[in-house]
Each structure stands twice: as C-alpha cells, then as structure tokens.
C-alpha cells in the first residue's frame, strides 16, 4: 500500500487569526518569530492526523522561502509533531526533497 501524503500549508492551518490575536500590538514575522507563530493545539491536531493515517508530511508553504526545511522540521518537532522526515514541494530554484 502507498503511504498517504499530507501537503501542509502552515499559515491558516498551524496558526490562525485567533492564535495570532494573542499577541496584540506585535507584528510577528519570519524567521525570528516562527516559534511563537505556531499554535501548539493546531500542531497537536496535525500530529493526531499523522498518527491515525501514517501520512508523510510535505510542506507546501511560503515558510519554506524564509526558513530552511530543517528549521521548519525542528520547530514542528518542538511543538509536538513527530516526523522522521519532512518533504518540501520544490519551487523556483529549489530541489525536491
């Protein structure tokens, strides 16, 4: 059987207007505020999906233009997403993971 793949867009999925609203008066930007921009509960929900399906997570997010894939993986692990390897959707000037 083929392993399912989940294409992850971070903005609006692992952070939301409600989550970012917890930081009034602050303008959170990449790469410096990346850890604060991730909603821990949203990451936990994604981890439950990953566990239930056994899917591979592929980052399809503008975050990959601001942060190396290894840094995105580290941040997701720090927030509780247990992945062995993240893939990235190649964009202009990028190689497939």
Protein backbone atom coordinates (compact mmCIF):
# COMPACT_ATOMS: atom_id res chain seq x y z
CA UNK A 1 0.00 0.00 0.00
CA UNK A 2 1.20 3.50 -0.81
CA UNK A 3 1.91 5.86 2.09
CA UNK A 4 -0.57 8.77 2.23
CA UNK A 5 0.84 12.28 1.82
CA UNK A 6 -0.38 15.39 3.62
CA UNK A 7 0.52 18.70 1.94
CA UNK A 8 0.92 21.27 4.72
CA UNK A 9 0.39 25.00 4.28
CA UNK A 10 1.37 26.45 7.66
CA UNK A 11 -0.40 29.83 7.56
CA UNK A 12 -4.07 29.38 8.38
CA UNK A 13 -3.52 25.74 9.39
CA UNK A 14 -0.95 25.78 12.20
CA UNK A 15 -1.63 29.39 13.02
CA UNK A 16 -4.81 31.41 12.71
CA UNK A 17 -6.10 34.91 13.22
CA UNK A 18 -7.39 33.78 16.63
CA UNK A 19 -3.96 32.41 17.63
CA UNK A 20 -2.01 35.39 16.31
CA UNK A 21 -4.50 37.69 18.07
CA UNK A 22 -2.95 36.51 21.34
CA UNK A 23 -0.05 38.86 20.57
CA UNK A 24 -1.75 42.30 20.45
CA UNK A 25 0.43 45.15 19.33
CA UNK A 26 3.12 42.81 17.99
CA UNK A 27 3.93 42.21 14.39
CA UNK A 28 5.19 38.63 14.24
CA UNK A 29 7.49 38.00 11.30
CA UNK A 30 9.56 35.20 9.85
CA UNK A 31 12.10 33.96 10.58
CA UNK A 32 12.55 35.48 14.05
CA UNK A 33 9.10 34.85 15.48
CA UNK A 34 8.42 31.47 13.84
CA UNK A 35 8.17 29.51 17.11
CA UNK A 36 5.56 31.89 18.54
CA UNK A 37 3.55 31.84 15.31
CA UNK A 38 2.73 28.13 15.63
CA UNK A 39 -0.40 27.25 17.62
CA UNK A 40 0.56 24.26 19.81
CA UNK A 41 -3.01 22.88 19.76
CA UNK A 42 -3.13 23.02 15.95
CA UNK A 43 0.19 21.14 15.81
CA UNK A 44 -1.21 18.52 18.21
CA UNK A 45 -4.26 18.07 15.96
CA UNK A 46 -1.96 17.58 12.97
CA UNK A 47 0.04 15.02 14.96
CA UNK A 48 -3.16 13.07 15.70
CA UNK A 49 -3.96 13.06 11.97
CA UNK A 50 -0.42 11.93 11.16
CA UNK A 51 -0.63 9.10 13.69
CA UNK A 52 -4.06 7.96 12.51
CA UNK A 53 -3.12 7.91 8.83
CA UNK A 54 0.62 7.22 8.87
CA UNK A 55 0.99 10.01 6.32
CA UNK A 56 4.17 11.71 5.19
CA UNK A 57 4.06 15.49 5.71
CA UNK A 58 5.13 17.66 2.77
CA UNK A 59 5.50 21.40 3.39
CA UNK A 60 3.71 23.44 0.75
CA UNK A 61 4.04 26.80 2.45
CA UNK A 62 5.64 30.16 1.87
CA UNK A 63 7.53 29.48 5.12
CA UNK A 64 9.98 27.37 3.12
CA UNK A 65 11.16 30.57 1.40
CA UNK A 66 12.02 32.17 4.77
CA UNK A 67 13.31 29.15 6.69
CA UNK A 68 15.32 26.07 5.71
CA UNK A 69 13.26 22.87 5.71
CA UNK A 70 15.40 21.54 8.59
CA UNK A 71 14.43 24.57 10.71
CA UNK A 72 10.73 24.10 9.94
CA UNK A 73 11.09 20.44 10.92
CA UNK A 74 12.83 21.44 14.18
CA UNK A 75 10.05 23.91 15.03
CA UNK A 76 7.33 21.36 14.33
CA UNK A 77 9.10 18.75 16.45
CA UNK A 78 9.50 21.32 19.24
CA UNK A 79 5.71 21.80 19.14
CA UNK A 80 4.97 18.06 19.22
CA UNK A 81 4.76 16.90 15.60
CA UNK A 82 6.71 13.65 15.40
CA UNK A 83 8.08 13.34 11.90
CA UNK A 84 11.00 11.34 10.65
CA UNK A 85 11.38 13.46 7.56
CA UNK A 86 9.55 16.38 6.05
CA UNK A 87 9.43 16.78 2.33
CA UNK A 88 9.13 20.07 0.53
CA UNK A 89 7.33 20.97 -2.63
CA UNK A 90 10.04 22.33 -4.93
CA UNK A 91 9.66 25.91 -6.05
CA UNK A 92 11.73 28.11 -8.27
CA UNK A 93 15.39 27.33 -7.63
CA UNK A 94 14.63 24.50 -5.17
CA UNK A 95 15.32 20.81 -5.47
CA UNK A 96 12.83 18.15 -4.50
CA UNK A 97 13.34 16.69 -1.02
